[in-house]
PDB file of all heavy atoms in Angstrom:
ATOM      1  N   GLU A   1    -131.787   2.732-121.847  1.00  0.00           N
ATOM      2  CA  GLU A   1    -130.973   2.068-122.769  1.00  0.00           C
ATOM      3  C   GLU A   1    -131.398   2.203-124.124  1.00  0.00           C
ATOM      4  O   GLU A   1    -130.482   2.278-125.043  1.00  0.00           O
ATOM      5  CB  GLU A   1    -130.905   0.525-122.306  1.00  0.00           C
ATOM      6  CG  GLU A   1    -130.231   0.256-121.000  1.00  0.00           C
ATOM      7  CD  GLU A   1    -130.355  -1.267-120.778  1.00  0.00           C
ATOM      8  OE1 GLU A   1    -130.712  -2.049-121.657  1.00  0.00           O
ATOM      9  OE2 GLU A   1    -130.025  -1.634-119.540  1.00  0.00           O
ATOM     10  N   ALA A   2    -132.774   2.201-124.331  1.00  0.00           N
ATOM     11  CA  ALA A   2    -133.311   2.357-125.670  1.00  0.00           C
ATOM     12  C   ALA A   2    -132.966   3.759-126.295  1.00  0.00           C
ATOM     13  O   ALA A   2    -132.644   3.921-127.470  1.00  0.00           O
ATOM     14  CB  ALA A   2    -134.823   2.019-125.747  1.00  0.00           C
ATOM     15  N   ALA A   3    -133.125   4.714-125.395  1.00  0.00           N
ATOM     16  CA  ALA A   3    -132.803   6.166-125.811  1.00  0.00           C
ATOM     17  C   ALA A   3    -131.351   6.272-126.173  1.00  0.00           C
ATOM     18  O   ALA A   3    -131.066   6.909-127.304  1.00  0.00           O
ATOM     19  CB  ALA A   3    -133.241   7.073-124.755  1.00  0.00           C
ATOM     20  N   LEU A   4    -130.414   5.745-125.385  1.00  0.00           N
ATOM     21  CA  LEU A   4    -129.089   5.792-125.647  1.00  0.00           C
ATOM     22  C   LEU A   4    -128.655   5.126-126.952  1.00  0.00           C
ATOM     23  O   LEU A   4    -127.969   5.546-127.791  1.00  0.00           O
ATOM     24  CB  LEU A   4    -128.288   5.336-124.425  1.00  0.00           C
ATOM     25  CG  LEU A   4    -128.280   6.156-123.175  1.00  0.00           C
ATOM     26  CD1 LEU A   4    -127.581   5.378-122.095  1.00  0.00           C
ATOM     27  CD2 LEU A   4    -127.710   7.503-123.483  1.00  0.00           C
ATOM     28  N   ALA A   5    -129.317   4.040-127.025  1.00  0.00           N
ATOM     29  CA  ALA A   5    -129.072   3.203-128.425  1.00  0.00           C
ATOM     30  C   ALA A   5    -129.519   3.847-129.559  1.00  0.00           C
ATOM     31  O   ALA A   5    -128.848   3.862-130.570  1.00  0.00           O
ATOM     32  CB  ALA A   5    -129.713   1.784-128.156  1.00  0.00           C
ATOM     33  N   ALA A   6    -130.579   4.605-129.436  1.00  0.00           N
ATOM     34  CA  ALA A   6    -131.144   5.398-130.597  1.00  0.00           C
ATOM     35  C   ALA A   6    -130.277   6.506-131.052  1.00  0.00           C
ATOM     36  O   ALA A   6    -129.978   6.735-132.134  1.00  0.00           O
ATOM     37  CB  ALA A   6    -132.582   5.816-130.285  1.00  0.00           C
ATOM     38  N   ARG A   7    -129.741   7.117-129.980  1.00  0.00           N
ATOM     39  CA  ARG A   7    -128.797   8.285-130.279  1.00  0.00           C
ATOM     40  C   ARG A   7    -127.426   7.796-130.872  1.00  0.00           C
ATOM     41  O   ARG A   7    -126.954   8.382-131.787  1.00  0.00           O
ATOM     42  CB  ARG A   7    -128.503   9.001-128.975  1.00  0.00           C
ATOM     43  CG  ARG A   7    -129.708   9.926-128.426  1.00  0.00           C
ATOM     44  CD  ARG A   7    -129.314  10.850-127.270  1.00  0.00           C
ATOM     45  NE  ARG A   7    -130.496  11.519-126.882  1.00  0.00           N
ATOM     46  CZ  ARG A   7    -131.320  11.353-125.833  1.00  0.00           C
ATOM     47  NH1 ARG A   7    -131.070  10.144-125.265  1.00  0.00           N
ATOM     48  NH2 ARG A   7    -132.442  12.070-125.583  1.00  0.00           N
ATOM     49  N   GLU A   8    -126.978   6.637-130.363  1.00  0.00           N
ATOM     50  CA  GLU A   8    -125.722   6.079-130.918  1.00  0.00           C
ATOM     51  C   GLU A   8    -125.937   5.596-132.231  1.00  0.00           C
ATOM     52  O   GLU A   8    -124.927   5.515-133.073  1.00  0.00           O
ATOM     53  CB  GLU A   8    -125.279   5.025-129.871  1.00  0.00           C
ATOM     54  CG  GLU A   8    -124.812   5.450-128.486  1.00  0.00           C
ATOM     55  CD  GLU A   8    -124.439   4.281-127.603  1.00  0.00           C
ATOM     56  OE1 GLU A   8    -124.483   3.182-128.008  1.00  0.00           O
ATOM     57  OE2 GLU A   8    -124.059   4.519-126.422  1.00  0.00           O
ATOM     58  N   ALA A   9    -127.140   5.204-132.613  1.00  0.00           N
ATOM     59  CA  ALA A   9    -127.459   4.700-133.909  1.00  0.00           C
ATOM     60  C   ALA A   9    -127.692   5.916-134.891  1.00  0.00           C
ATOM     61  O   ALA A   9    -127.910   5.646-136.224  1.00  0.00           O
ATOM     62  CB  ALA A   9    -128.684   3.718-133.951  1.00  0.00           C
ATOM     63  N   GLY A  10    -127.594   7.079-134.447  1.00  0.00           N
ATOM     64  CA  GLY A  10    -127.678   8.309-135.262  1.00  0.00           C
ATOM     65  C   GLY A  10    -129.154   8.791-135.494  1.00  0.00           C
ATOM     66  O   GLY A  10    -129.273   9.573-136.362  1.00  0.00           O
ATOM     67  N   PHE A  11    -130.013   8.344-134.643  1.00  0.00           N
ATOM     68  CA  PHE A  11    -131.379   8.726-134.855  1.00  0.00           C
ATOM     69  C   PHE A  11    -131.529  10.262-134.487  1.00  0.00           C
ATOM     70  O   PHE A  11    -130.875  10.767-133.678  1.00  0.00           O
ATOM     71  CB  PHE A  11    -132.382   7.827-133.988  1.00  0.00           C
ATOM     72  CG  PHE A  11    -132.865   6.649-134.607  1.00  0.00           C
ATOM     73  CD1 PHE A  11    -131.988   5.572-134.824  1.00  0.00           C
ATOM     74  CD2 PHE A  11    -134.198   6.523-135.144  1.00  0.00           C
ATOM     75  CE1 PHE A  11    -132.325   4.533-135.484  1.00  0.00           C
ATOM     76  CE2 PHE A  11    -134.564   5.361-135.760  1.00  0.00           C
ATOM     77  CZ  PHE A  11    -133.654   4.338-135.996  1.00  0.00           C
ATOM     78  N   GLU A  12    -132.434  10.819-135.234  1.00  0.00           N
ATOM     79  CA  GLU A  12    -132.693  12.326-135.015  1.00  0.00           C
ATOM     80  C   GLU A  12    -133.960  12.504-134.180  1.00  0.00           C
ATOM     81  O   GLU A  12    -134.924  11.761-134.016  1.00  0.00           O
ATOM     82  CB  GLU A  12    -132.936  12.953-136.301  1.00  0.00           C
ATOM     83  CG  GLU A  12    -131.751  12.790-137.362  1.00  0.00           C
ATOM     84  CD  GLU A  12    -132.117  13.131-138.731  1.00  0.00           C
ATOM     85  OE1 GLU A  12    -133.364  13.440-139.015  1.00  0.00           O
ATOM     86  OE2 GLU A  12    -131.234  13.190-139.639  1.00  0.00           O
ATOM     87  N   GLY A  13    -133.881  13.719-133.429  1.00  0.00           N
ATOM     88  CA  GLY A  13    -135.056  14.008-132.590  1.00  0.00           C
ATOM     89  C   GLY A  13    -135.487  12.982-131.541  1.00  0.00           C
ATOM     90  O   GLY A  13    -136.668  12.820-131.312  1.00  0.00           O
ATOM     91  N   VAL A  14    -134.509  12.308-130.958  1.00  0.00           N
ATOM     92  CA  VAL A  14    -134.720  11.371-129.951  1.00  0.00           C
ATOM     93  C   VAL A  14    -135.437  11.957-128.705  1.00  0.00           C
ATOM     94  O   VAL A  14    -134.753  12.913-128.257  1.00  0.00           O
ATOM     95  CB  VAL A  14    -133.562  10.503-129.580  1.00  0.00           C
ATOM     96  CG1 VAL A  14    -133.921   9.498-128.452  1.00  0.00           C
ATOM     97  CG2 VAL A  14    -132.989   9.792-130.837  1.00  0.00           C
ATOM     98  N   GLU A  15    -136.608  11.536-128.279  1.00  0.00           N
ATOM     99  CA  GLU A  15    -137.175  12.086-127.084  1.00  0.00           C
ATOM    100  C   GLU A  15    -137.850  10.948-126.302  1.00  0.00           C
ATOM    101  O   GLU A  15    -138.227   9.994-126.862  1.00  0.00           O
ATOM    102  CB  GLU A  15    -138.280  13.225-127.409  1.00  0.00           C
ATOM    103  CG  GLU A  15    -139.276  12.720-128.301  1.00  0.00           C
ATOM    104  CD  GLU A  15    -140.423  13.718-128.557  1.00  0.00           C
ATOM    105  OE1 GLU A  15    -140.547  14.679-127.716  1.00  0.00           O
ATOM    106  OE2 GLU A  15    -141.139  13.682-129.512  1.00  0.00           O
ATOM    107  N   THR A  16    -137.835  11.092-125.082  1.00  0.00           N
ATOM    108  CA  THR A  16    -138.429  10.124-124.036  1.00  0.00           C
ATOM    109  C   THR A  16    -139.608  10.798-123.357  1.00  0.00           C
ATOM    110  O   THR A  16    -139.454  11.942-122.711  1.00  0.00           O
ATOM    111  CB  THR A  16    -137.371   9.719-123.116  1.00  0.00           C
ATOM    112  OG1 THR A  16    -136.271   9.142-123.889  1.00  0.00           O
ATOM    113  CG2 THR A  16    -138.057   8.452-122.203  1.00  0.00           C
ATOM    114  N   LEU A  17    -140.827  10.100-123.306  1.00  0.00           N
ATOM    115  CA  LEU A  17    -141.933  10.646-122.663  1.00  0.00           C
ATOM    116  C   LEU A  17    -142.331   9.698-121.608  1.00  0.00           C
ATOM    117  O   LEU A  17    -142.346   8.417-121.842  1.00  0.00           O
ATOM    118  CB  LEU A  17    -143.041  10.923-123.610  1.00  0.00           C
ATOM    119  CG  LEU A  17    -142.676  11.931-124.775  1.00  0.00           C
ATOM    120  CD1 LEU A  17    -143.916  11.933-125.758  1.00  0.00           C
ATOM    121  CD2 LEU A  17    -142.347  13.246-124.289  1.00  0.00           C
ATOM    122  N   GLU A  18    -142.868  10.155-120.465  1.00  0.00           N
ATOM    123  CA  GLU A  18    -143.623   9.309-119.480  1.00  0.00           C
ATOM    124  C   GLU A  18    -145.089   9.665-119.694  1.00  0.00           C
ATOM    125  O   GLU A  18    -145.505  10.798-119.890  1.00  0.00           O
ATOM    126  CB  GLU A  18    -143.304   9.656-118.062  1.00  0.00           C
ATOM    127  CG  GLU A  18    -144.023   8.896-117.033  1.00  0.00           C
ATOM    128  CD  GLU A  18    -143.823   9.292-115.619  1.00  0.00           C
ATOM    129  OE1 GLU A  18    -143.114  10.384-115.321  1.00  0.00           O
ATOM    130  OE2 GLU A  18    -144.186   8.565-114.709  1.00  0.00           O
ATOM    131  N   THR A  19    -145.974   8.533-119.754  1.00  0.00           N
ATOM    132  CA  THR A  19    -147.293   8.722-119.944  1.00  0.00           C
ATOM    133  C   THR A  19    -148.047   8.665-118.621  1.00  0.00           C
ATOM    134  O   THR A  19    -148.012   7.769-117.926  1.00  0.00           O
ATOM    135  CB  THR A  19    -147.945   7.495-120.749  1.00  0.00           C
ATOM    136  OG1 THR A  19    -147.052   7.227-121.964  1.00  0.00           O
ATOM    137  CG2 THR A  19    -149.294   7.716-121.218  1.00  0.00           C
ATOM    138  N   ILE A  20    -148.633   9.955-118.339  1.00  0.00           N
ATOM    139  CA  ILE A  20    -149.366  10.115-117.162  1.00  0.00           C
ATOM    140  C   ILE A  20    -150.748  10.703-117.489  1.00  0.00           C
ATOM    141  O   ILE A  20    -150.773  11.653-118.261  1.00  0.00           O
ATOM    142  CB  ILE A  20    -148.722  10.973-116.136  1.00  0.00           C
ATOM    143  CG1 ILE A  20    -147.432  10.358-115.651  1.00  0.00           C
ATOM    144  CG2 ILE A  20    -149.681  11.252-114.934  1.00  0.00           C
ATOM    145  CD1 ILE A  20    -146.599  11.275-114.751  1.00  0.00           C
ATOM    146  N   GLN A  21    -151.834  10.079-117.079  1.00  0.00           N
ATOM    147  CA  GLN A  21    -153.226  10.585-117.320  1.00  0.00           C
ATOM    148  C   GLN A  21    -153.951  10.641-116.092  1.00  0.00           C
ATOM    149  O   GLN A  21    -153.973   9.621-115.389  1.00  0.00           O
ATOM    150  CB  GLN A  21    -153.840   9.693-118.419  1.00  0.00           C
ATOM    151  CG  GLN A  21    -155.256  10.054-118.866  1.00  0.00           C
ATOM    152  CD  GLN A  21    -155.681   9.234-120.023  1.00  0.00           C
ATOM    153  OE1 GLN A  21    -155.212   9.404-121.046  1.00  0.00           O
ATOM    154  NE2 GLN A  21    -156.764   8.543-119.700  1.00  0.00           N
ATOM    155  N   ARG A  22    -154.618  11.729-115.853  1.00  0.00           N
ATOM    156  CA  ARG A  22    -155.431  11.847-114.613  1.00  0.00           C
ATOM    157  C   ARG A  22    -156.910  12.194-114.993  1.00  0.00           C
ATOM    158  O   ARG A  22    -157.143  12.970-115.891  1.00  0.00           O
ATOM    159  CB  ARG A  22    -154.978  12.865-113.679  1.00  0.00           C
ATOM    160  CG  ARG A  22    -153.560  12.614-113.135  1.00  0.00           C
ATOM    161  CD  ARG A  22    -153.199  13.528-112.006  1.00  0.00           C
ATOM    162  NE  ARG A  22    -153.135  14.948-112.428  1.00  0.00           N
ATOM    163  CZ  ARG A  22    -152.911  15.977-111.568  1.00  0.00           C
ATOM    164  NH1 ARG A  22    -152.736  15.822-110.319  1.00  0.00           N
ATOM    165  NH2 ARG A  22    -152.881  17.227-112.123  1.00  0.00           N
ATOM    166  N   GLU A  23    -157.780  11.434-114.425  1.00  0.00           N
ATOM    167  CA  GLU A  23    -159.276  11.674-114.593  1.00  0.00           C
ATOM    168  C   GLU A  23    -159.695  12.821-113.770  1.00  0.00           C
ATOM    169  O   GLU A  23    -159.115  13.164-112.644  1.00  0.00           O
ATOM    170  CB  GLU A  23    -159.986  10.416-114.341  1.00  0.00           C
ATOM    171  CG  GLU A  23    -161.537  10.537-114.656  1.00  0.00           C
ATOM    172  CD  GLU A  23    -162.319   9.280-114.420  1.00  0.00           C
ATOM    173  OE1 GLU A  23    -161.534   8.176-114.195  1.00  0.00           O
ATOM    174  OE2 GLU A  23    -163.529   9.303-114.545  1.00  0.00           O
ATOM    175  N   MET A  24    -160.660  13.677-114.228  1.00  0.00           N
ATOM    176  CA  MET A  24    -161.127  14.743-113.523  1.00  0.00           C
ATOM    177  C   MET A  24    -162.353  14.423-112.717  1.00  0.00           C
ATOM    178  O   MET A  24    -163.235  13.664-113.331  1.00  0.00           O
ATOM    179  CB  MET A  24    -161.405  15.948-114.466  1.00  0.00           C
ATOM    180  CG  MET A  24    -160.154  16.521-115.149  1.00  0.00           C
ATOM    181  SD  MET A  24    -158.975  17.227-113.983  1.00  0.00           S
ATOM    182  CE  MET A  24    -159.921  18.625-113.419  1.00  0.00           C
ATOM    183  N   ASP A  25    -162.556  14.866-111.651  1.00  0.00           N
ATOM    184  CA  ASP A  25    -163.716  14.776-110.769  1.00  0.00           C
ATOM    185  C   ASP A  25    -164.485  16.153-110.715  1.00  0.00           C
ATOM    186  O   ASP A  25    -163.889  17.099-110.375  1.00  0.00           O
ATOM    187  CB  ASP A  25    -163.323  14.243-109.391  1.00  0.00           C
ATOM    188  CG  ASP A  25    -162.997  12.861-109.240  1.00  0.00           C
ATOM    189  OD1 ASP A  25    -163.285  12.073-110.215  1.00  0.00           O
ATOM    190  OD2 ASP A  25    -162.313  12.439-108.254  1.00  0.00           O
ATOM    191  N   PHE A  26    -165.794  15.995-111.028  1.00  0.00           N
ATOM    192  CA  PHE A  26    -166.636  17.254-110.912  1.00  0.00           C
ATOM    193  C   PHE A  26    -167.747  17.024-109.919  1.00  0.00           C
ATOM    194  O   PHE A  26    -168.470  15.977-109.980  1.00  0.00           O
ATOM    195  CB  PHE A  26    -167.256  17.621-112.364  1.00  0.00           C
ATOM    196  CG  PHE A  26    -166.201  17.836-113.364  1.00  0.00           C
ATOM    197  CD1 PHE A  26    -166.045  16.961-114.412  1.00  0.00           C
ATOM    198  CD2 PHE A  26    -165.262  18.972-113.294  1.00  0.00           C
ATOM    199  CE1 PHE A  26    -165.079  17.277-115.460  1.00  0.00           C
ATOM    200  CE2 PHE A  26    -164.302  19.198-114.289  1.00  0.00           C
ATOM    201  CZ  PHE A  26    -164.243  18.337-115.329  1.00  0.00           C
ATOM    202  N   SER A  27    -167.848  17.849-108.904  1.00  0.00           N
ATOM    203  CA  SER A  27    -168.896  17.751-108.042  1.00  0.00           C
ATOM    204  C   SER A  27    -169.429  19.148-107.619  1.00  0.00           C
ATOM    205  O   SER A  27    -168.961  20.162-108.002  1.00  0.00           O
ATOM    206  CB  SER A  27    -168.441  16.967-106.699  1.00  0.00           C
ATOM    207  OG  SER A  27    -167.516  17.819-105.988  1.00  0.00           O
ATOM    208  N   ASP A  28    -170.436  19.106-106.703  1.00  0.00           N
ATOM    209  CA  ASP A  28    -170.984  20.477-106.288  1.00  0.00           C
ATOM    210  C   ASP A  28    -169.887  21.224-105.448  1.00  0.00           C
ATOM    211  O   ASP A  28    -169.909  22.500-105.417  1.00  0.00           O
ATOM    212  CB  ASP A  28    -172.233  20.193-105.347  1.00  0.00           C
ATOM    213  CG  ASP A  28    -173.487  19.655-106.204  1.00  0.00           C
ATOM    214  OD1 ASP A  28    -173.388  19.861-107.349  1.00  0.00           O
ATOM    215  OD2 ASP A  28    -174.317  19.054-105.567  1.00  0.00           O
ATOM    216  N   ARG A  29    -168.906  20.553-104.957  1.00  0.00           N
ATOM    217  CA  ARG A  29    -168.062  21.179-104.015  1.00  0.00           C
ATOM    218  C   ARG A  29    -166.930  21.909-104.882  1.00  0.00           C
ATOM    219  O   ARG A  29    -166.263  22.802-104.559  1.00  0.00           O
ATOM    220  CB  ARG A  29    -167.246  20.219-103.060  1.00  0.00           C
ATOM    221  CG  ARG A  29    -168.282  19.615-102.013  1.00  0.00           C
ATOM    222  CD  ARG A  29    -167.451  18.696-101.241  1.00  0.00           C
ATOM    223  NE  ARG A  29    -166.321  19.337-100.530  1.00  0.00           N
ATOM    224  CZ  ARG A  29    -165.398  18.545 -99.939  1.00  0.00           C
ATOM    225  NH1 ARG A  29    -165.447  17.278 -99.898  1.00  0.00           N
ATOM    226  NH2 ARG A  29    -164.409  19.178 -99.383  1.00  0.00           N
ATOM    227  N   GLY A  30    -166.712  21.357-106.202  1.00  0.00           N
ATOM    228  CA  GLY A  30    -165.657  21.982-107.113  1.00  0.00           C
ATOM    229  C   GLY A  30    -165.263  20.841-107.913  1.00  0.00           C
ATOM    230  O   GLY A  30    -165.638  19.636-107.992  1.00  0.00           O
ATOM    231  N   SER A  31    -164.021  21.167-108.693  1.00  0.00           N
ATOM    232  CA  SER A  31    -163.516  20.327-109.761  1.00  0.00           C
ATOM    233  C   SER A  31    -162.026  20.165-109.441  1.00  0.00           C
ATOM    234  O   SER A  31    -161.339  21.121-109.064  1.00  0.00           O
ATOM    235  CB  SER A  31    -163.655  20.963-111.110  1.00  0.00           C
ATOM    236  OG  SER A  31    -165.019  21.272-111.334  1.00  0.00           O
ATOM    237  N   ARG A  32    -161.563  18.954-109.548  1.00  0.00           N
ATOM    238  CA  ARG A  32    -160.143  18.667-109.306  1.00  0.00           C
ATOM    239  C   ARG A  32    -159.850  17.283-109.857  1.00  0.00           C
ATOM    240  O   ARG A  32    -160.660  16.470-110.192  1.00  0.00           O
ATOM    241  CB  ARG A  32    -159.863  18.609-107.747  1.00  0.00           C
ATOM    242  CG  ARG A  32    -160.485  17.473-107.058  1.00  0.00           C
ATOM    243  CD  ARG A  32    -160.042  17.398-105.578  1.00  0.00           C
ATOM    244  NE  ARG A  32    -160.584  16.309-104.958  1.00  0.00           N
ATOM    245  CZ  ARG A  32    -160.439  16.034-103.605  1.00  0.00           C
ATOM    246  NH1 ARG A  32    -159.680  16.996-102.837  1.00  0.00           N
ATOM    247  NH2 ARG A  32    -160.841  14.971-103.132  1.00  0.00           N
ATOM    248  N   PRO A  33    -158.455  17.101-110.096  1.00  0.00           N
ATOM    249  CA  PRO A  33    -158.030  15.663-110.665  1.00  0.00           C
ATOM    250  C   PRO A  33    -158.405  14.620-109.613  1.00  0.00           C
ATOM    251  O   PRO A  33    -158.427  14.816-108.384  1.00  0.00           O
ATOM    252  CB  PRO A  33    -156.595  15.863-110.753  1.00  0.00           C
ATOM    253  CG  PRO A  33    -156.241  17.302-110.784  1.00  0.00           C
ATOM    254  CD  PRO A  33    -157.375  17.955-110.007  1.00  0.00           C
TER     255      PRO A  33
END
């Protein structure tokens, strides 16, 4: 709704992002999220 309202109000460069963050694990076996 906020993104549509921004576009209808004439805003430029409207973009929507999802925030996802993963911590990395490091061990003798290997590295992975």
